[in-house]
Amino acid sequence: MPISRNMMGTLFVGGALTLTLSALAYPSMLGLDTVSASGDRIIANTQWGPLTESDRAFVVAVRAAGLWEYPVGQIGLQKGQSKGVITASQHLIDGHAALDTTCLKIAPMLNVTLPNVASPQQEGFVNTLKADQGKQFDVDFANILRMTHGSIFNTVAKIRSTTKNTLVRALADQANDTVLDHITVMEQTGLVDFDTTLFTQTTPPKLPKSDMTPPVPPAGQPLVVLTPPPTATATPVDIGAIVGNGG
């Protein structure tokens, strides 16, 4: 059975899953603070439009999301017990490989430093799913990923509607489509407990910023690349078209 709200409450009180479930349901967990006046501060003027703190955080967030969801998709292909979870795993790999390609293209253009590993909480989540066995893996997989995608969905829309940067806007378009697709395939597993999911989304805990932030990679460290699957259908942003149109 999907995790009930009572079961979720128990997890929040103690146990290895406490930090991962609560943390990953919080948008800041993905490297984003609430889009606010402070996030509107312009940190650079680029030929594609001004870049704000929120814009930069969003690019980092998309990259960080891929750094844990892509491997979770790989784990799902190995451990998933149901066809729905296998399909959702394929979508995670496909979608985040394409998003990562876009991030790797636009980050140097915007002078944004990308992480090479996810945040401590996100890494803990991956470890939790690695430890799950049997049906419990499917239940946790579907519910946690539905929570995280549901939490970030509104933030993607906020960035898309407020950014003045063409490259960030294009990434937000792609992220919007990808997140909606991932929300849909998680729901199609039939394992999502909507009461618990929505409760967790709307009552996120306060977490230390250090737990929510992916570390900056050492200088000169090669960037990890999320390789698209042979059957990839997701498409990265056509940066050449944007540049060719003058931004």
Protein backbone atom coordinates (compact mmCIF):
# COMPACT_ATOMS: atom_id res chain seq x y z
CA MET A 1 0.00 0.00 0.00
CA PRO A 2 1.17 3.59 -0.57
CA ILE A 3 2.63 5.37 2.45
CA SER A 4 -0.21 6.80 4.54
CA ARG A 5 -0.08 10.19 6.24
CA ASN A 6 0.28 8.43 9.59
CA MET A 7 3.16 6.39 8.27
CA MET A 8 4.72 9.55 6.85
CA GLY A 9 4.42 11.21 10.24
CA THR A 10 6.34 8.34 11.76
CA LEU A 11 9.03 8.76 9.15
CA PHE A 12 9.25 12.44 9.94
CA VAL A 13 9.83 11.68 13.62
CA GLY A 14 12.70 9.34 13.11
CA GLY A 15 14.43 6.92 10.77
CA ALA A 16 16.64 7.17 7.74
CA LEU A 17 13.85 8.29 5.45
CA THR A 18 12.91 11.28 7.61
CA LEU A 19 15.42 13.69 6.13
CA THR A 20 15.07 12.55 2.58
CA LEU A 21 11.28 12.61 2.32
CA SER A 22 10.87 15.94 4.05
CA ALA A 23 13.86 17.61 2.49
CA LEU A 24 13.27 16.61 -1.07
CA ALA A 25 9.68 17.79 -0.96
CA TYR A 26 10.92 21.30 -0.24
CA PRO A 27 11.73 23.42 -3.32
CA SER A 28 14.84 24.87 -1.67
CA MET A 29 16.09 21.30 -1.50
CA LEU A 30 16.69 21.55 -5.22
CA GLY A 31 18.85 24.62 -4.83
CA LEU A 32 16.04 27.17 -4.95
CA ASP A 33 14.91 29.65 -2.35
CA THR A 34 11.44 31.12 -2.73
CA VAL A 35 11.42 33.53 -5.66
CA SER A 36 11.28 36.86 -3.86
CA ALA A 37 12.51 40.43 -4.02
CA SER A 38 16.00 39.33 -3.00
CA GLY A 39 16.03 36.74 -5.77
CA ASP A 40 15.28 39.48 -8.27
CA ARG A 41 18.65 41.11 -7.68
CA ILE A 42 20.56 41.28 -10.98
CA ILE A 43 23.97 39.66 -10.72
CA ALA A 44 25.00 39.98 -14.36
CA ASN A 45 23.94 41.67 -17.57
CA THR A 46 24.31 39.28 -20.47
CA GLN A 47 23.56 39.53 -24.18
CA TRP A 48 20.57 37.25 -23.51
CA GLY A 49 19.14 39.55 -20.86
CA PRO A 50 19.78 40.25 -17.18
CA LEU A 51 20.60 37.29 -14.94
CA THR A 52 19.12 37.40 -11.44
CA GLU A 53 19.98 35.40 -8.34
CA SER A 54 16.81 33.36 -8.89
CA ASP A 55 17.81 32.67 -12.50
CA ARG A 56 21.20 31.39 -11.43
CA ALA A 57 19.69 29.28 -8.64
CA PHE A 58 17.26 27.78 -11.14
CA VAL A 59 20.01 26.63 -13.51
CA VAL A 60 21.84 25.06 -10.57
CA ALA A 61 18.60 23.47 -9.36
CA VAL A 62 17.88 21.82 -12.69
CA ARG A 63 21.39 20.42 -12.81
CA ALA A 64 21.19 19.19 -9.19
CA ALA A 65 17.83 17.53 -9.84
CA GLY A 66 19.33 15.51 -12.65
CA LEU A 67 22.30 14.47 -10.53
CA TRP A 68 20.04 12.45 -8.22
CA GLU A 69 16.97 11.68 -10.34
CA TYR A 70 18.98 10.26 -13.25
CA PRO A 71 20.68 7.63 -11.05
CA VAL A 72 17.35 6.95 -9.32
CA GLY A 73 15.95 6.18 -12.77
CA GLN A 74 18.78 3.73 -13.31
CA ILE A 75 18.06 2.12 -9.96
CA GLY A 76 14.38 1.92 -10.87
CA LEU A 77 15.16 -0.01 -14.04
CA GLN A 78 16.96 -2.60 -11.93
CA LYS A 79 14.69 -2.79 -8.88
CA GLY A 80 11.25 -1.72 -10.08
CA GLN A 81 8.58 -4.34 -9.45
CA SER A 82 5.87 -2.92 -11.70
CA LYS A 83 5.61 -1.84 -15.30
CA GLY A 84 4.60 1.66 -14.20
CA VAL A 85 7.77 2.14 -12.17
CA ILE A 86 9.92 0.82 -15.02
CA THR A 87 8.26 3.30 -17.40
CA ALA A 88 8.68 6.17 -14.93
CA SER A 89 12.35 5.26 -14.52
CA GLN A 90 12.86 5.48 -18.27
CA HIS A 91 11.26 8.92 -18.28
CA LEU A 92 13.54 10.12 -15.47
CA ILE A 93 16.66 9.09 -17.36
CA ASP A 94 15.46 10.48 -20.69
CA GLY A 95 14.16 13.78 -19.36
CA HIS A 96 17.06 14.64 -17.10
CA ALA A 97 19.69 13.70 -19.67
CA ALA A 98 18.12 16.26 -22.04
CA LEU A 99 17.82 18.91 -19.32
CA ASP A 100 21.43 18.32 -18.33
CA THR A 101 22.57 18.81 -21.92
CA THR A 102 20.87 22.20 -21.91
CA CYS A 103 22.36 23.14 -18.55
CA LEU A 104 25.86 22.23 -19.71
CA LYS A 105 25.40 24.43 -22.77
CA ILE A 106 23.99 27.55 -21.13
CA ALA A 107 25.92 27.55 -17.83
CA PRO A 108 29.24 28.72 -19.31
CA MET A 109 27.39 31.27 -21.45
CA LEU A 110 25.89 32.74 -18.28
CA ASN A 111 29.01 32.18 -16.14
CA VAL A 112 27.10 29.88 -13.80
CA THR A 113 29.08 27.25 -11.88
CA LEU A 114 27.32 23.88 -11.94
CA PRO A 115 27.53 21.26 -9.20
CA ASN A 116 28.95 17.81 -9.87
CA VAL A 117 27.04 16.07 -7.09
CA ALA A 118 23.59 16.64 -5.67
CA SER A 119 22.99 18.14 -2.24
CA PRO A 120 23.63 16.06 0.90
CA GLN A 121 19.90 15.46 1.33
CA GLN A 122 19.46 14.42 -2.28
CA GLU A 123 22.39 12.02 -2.03
CA GLY A 124 20.82 10.58 1.11
CA PHE A 125 17.62 10.01 -0.80
CA VAL A 126 19.42 8.02 -3.47
CA ASN A 127 20.99 5.89 -0.75
CA THR A 128 17.58 5.27 0.80
CA LEU A 129 16.14 3.95 -2.45
CA LYS A 130 19.21 1.80 -2.93
CA ALA A 131 18.38 0.16 0.40
CA ASP A 132 14.67 -0.36 -0.38
CA GLN A 133 13.58 -3.83 -1.39
CA GLY A 134 10.62 -5.27 -3.30
CA LYS A 135 7.28 -3.49 -3.28
CA GLN A 136 8.53 -0.89 -0.80
CA PHE A 137 10.90 0.41 -3.44
CA ASP A 138 8.03 1.03 -5.86
CA VAL A 139 5.92 2.78 -3.21
CA ASP A 140 8.72 5.05 -2.01
CA PHE A 141 9.89 5.73 -5.55
CA ALA A 142 6.48 6.88 -6.75
CA ASN A 143 5.54 8.92 -3.69
CA ILE A 144 8.84 10.70 -3.13
CA LEU A 145 9.29 11.60 -6.77
CA ARG A 146 5.70 12.78 -7.05
CA MET A 147 6.29 15.03 -4.03
CA THR A 148 9.51 16.50 -5.34
CA HIS A 149 8.18 17.18 -8.80
CA GLY A 150 4.96 18.62 -7.44
CA SER A 151 6.94 20.93 -5.18
CA ILE A 152 9.18 22.28 -7.91
CA PHE A 153 6.42 22.61 -10.54
CA ASN A 154 5.14 25.98 -9.29
CA THR A 155 8.68 27.30 -8.99
CA VAL A 156 9.42 26.42 -12.61
CA ALA A 157 6.31 28.36 -13.64
CA LYS A 158 7.38 31.33 -11.50
CA ILE A 159 10.82 31.46 -13.10
CA ARG A 160 9.29 31.11 -16.57
CA SER A 161 6.90 34.00 -15.96
CA THR A 162 9.43 36.37 -14.37
CA THR A 163 12.85 35.84 -15.94
CA LYS A 164 14.08 38.37 -18.49
CA ASN A 165 16.87 36.08 -19.66
CA THR A 166 16.23 34.23 -22.93
CA LEU A 167 18.40 31.23 -22.07
CA VAL A 168 16.84 30.77 -18.64
CA ARG A 169 13.39 31.13 -20.18
CA ALA A 170 14.17 28.37 -22.68
CA LEU A 171 15.43 26.10 -19.90
CA ALA A 172 12.26 26.80 -17.92
CA ASP A 173 10.14 25.81 -20.94
CA GLN A 174 11.97 22.52 -21.17
CA ALA A 175 11.85 21.95 -17.41
CA ASN A 176 8.12 22.66 -17.33
CA ASP A 177 7.44 19.97 -19.93
CA THR A 178 9.79 17.50 -18.22
CA VAL A 179 8.44 18.00 -14.70
CA LEU A 180 4.84 17.68 -15.88
CA ASP A 181 5.74 14.48 -17.71
CA HIS A 182 7.41 13.08 -14.60
CA ILE A 183 4.46 14.02 -12.39
CA THR A 184 2.18 12.21 -14.83
CA VAL A 185 4.17 8.98 -15.02
CA MET A 186 4.46 8.84 -11.22
CA GLU A 187 0.70 9.15 -10.92
CA GLN A 188 0.20 6.49 -13.56
CA THR A 189 1.99 3.95 -11.36
CA GLY A 190 -1.17 3.86 -9.23
CA LEU A 191 0.97 4.04 -6.09
CA VAL A 192 0.75 7.74 -5.21
CA ASP A 193 -0.94 8.59 -1.90
CA PHE A 194 -2.26 12.03 -2.82
CA ASP A 195 -3.28 13.02 0.71
CA THR A 196 0.23 12.46 2.03
CA THR A 197 1.90 13.88 -1.04
CA LEU A 198 -0.05 17.13 -1.03
CA PHE A 199 0.22 17.48 2.73
CA THR A 200 4.00 17.19 2.53
CA GLN A 201 4.22 19.56 -0.43
CA THR A 202 2.27 22.28 1.34
CA THR A 203 3.86 21.94 4.79
CA PRO A 204 7.58 21.71 4.08
CA PRO A 205 9.95 21.65 7.05
CA LYS A 206 12.68 24.19 7.67
CA LEU A 207 16.04 22.68 6.84
CA PRO A 208 19.65 23.83 7.21
CA LYS A 209 20.80 25.55 4.03
CA SER A 210 23.92 23.39 3.99
CA ASP A 211 21.74 20.31 3.59
CA MET A 212 19.83 21.86 0.72
CA THR A 213 22.76 23.13 -1.30
CA PRO A 214 24.83 21.06 -3.74
CA PRO A 215 28.55 21.65 -3.15
CA VAL A 216 30.66 23.67 -5.56
CA PRO A 217 33.00 21.32 -7.43
CA PRO A 218 36.77 21.68 -6.99
CA ALA A 219 38.43 23.91 -9.57
CA GLY A 220 39.30 22.04 -12.73
CA GLN A 221 37.15 19.00 -11.96
CA PRO A 222 35.55 17.65 -15.17
CA LEU A 223 31.79 17.98 -15.19
CA VAL A 224 29.73 14.81 -14.86
CA VAL A 225 27.67 14.25 -18.00
CA LEU A 226 24.28 12.52 -17.90
CA THR A 227 24.29 10.41 -21.05
CA PRO A 228 21.02 10.22 -23.01
CA PRO A 229 19.64 6.67 -23.44
CA PRO A 230 19.84 5.05 -26.89
CA THR A 231 16.06 5.44 -27.22
CA ALA A 232 15.99 9.09 -26.09
CA THR A 233 12.92 11.09 -27.06
CA ALA A 234 13.44 14.20 -24.92
CA THR A 235 15.10 17.08 -26.77
CA PRO A 236 17.53 19.65 -25.35
CA VAL A 237 17.07 23.34 -26.08
CA ASP A 238 18.36 24.39 -29.50
CA ILE A 239 20.84 26.99 -28.28
CA GLY A 240 22.03 27.64 -31.81
CA ALA A 241 18.57 28.81 -32.81
CA ILE A 242 18.41 31.20 -29.85
CA VAL A 243 21.84 32.64 -30.57
CA GLY A 244 21.03 32.85 -34.26
CA ASN A 245 17.91 34.85 -33.48
CA GLY A 246 19.94 37.30 -31.45
CA GLY A 247 18.76 36.04 -28.06
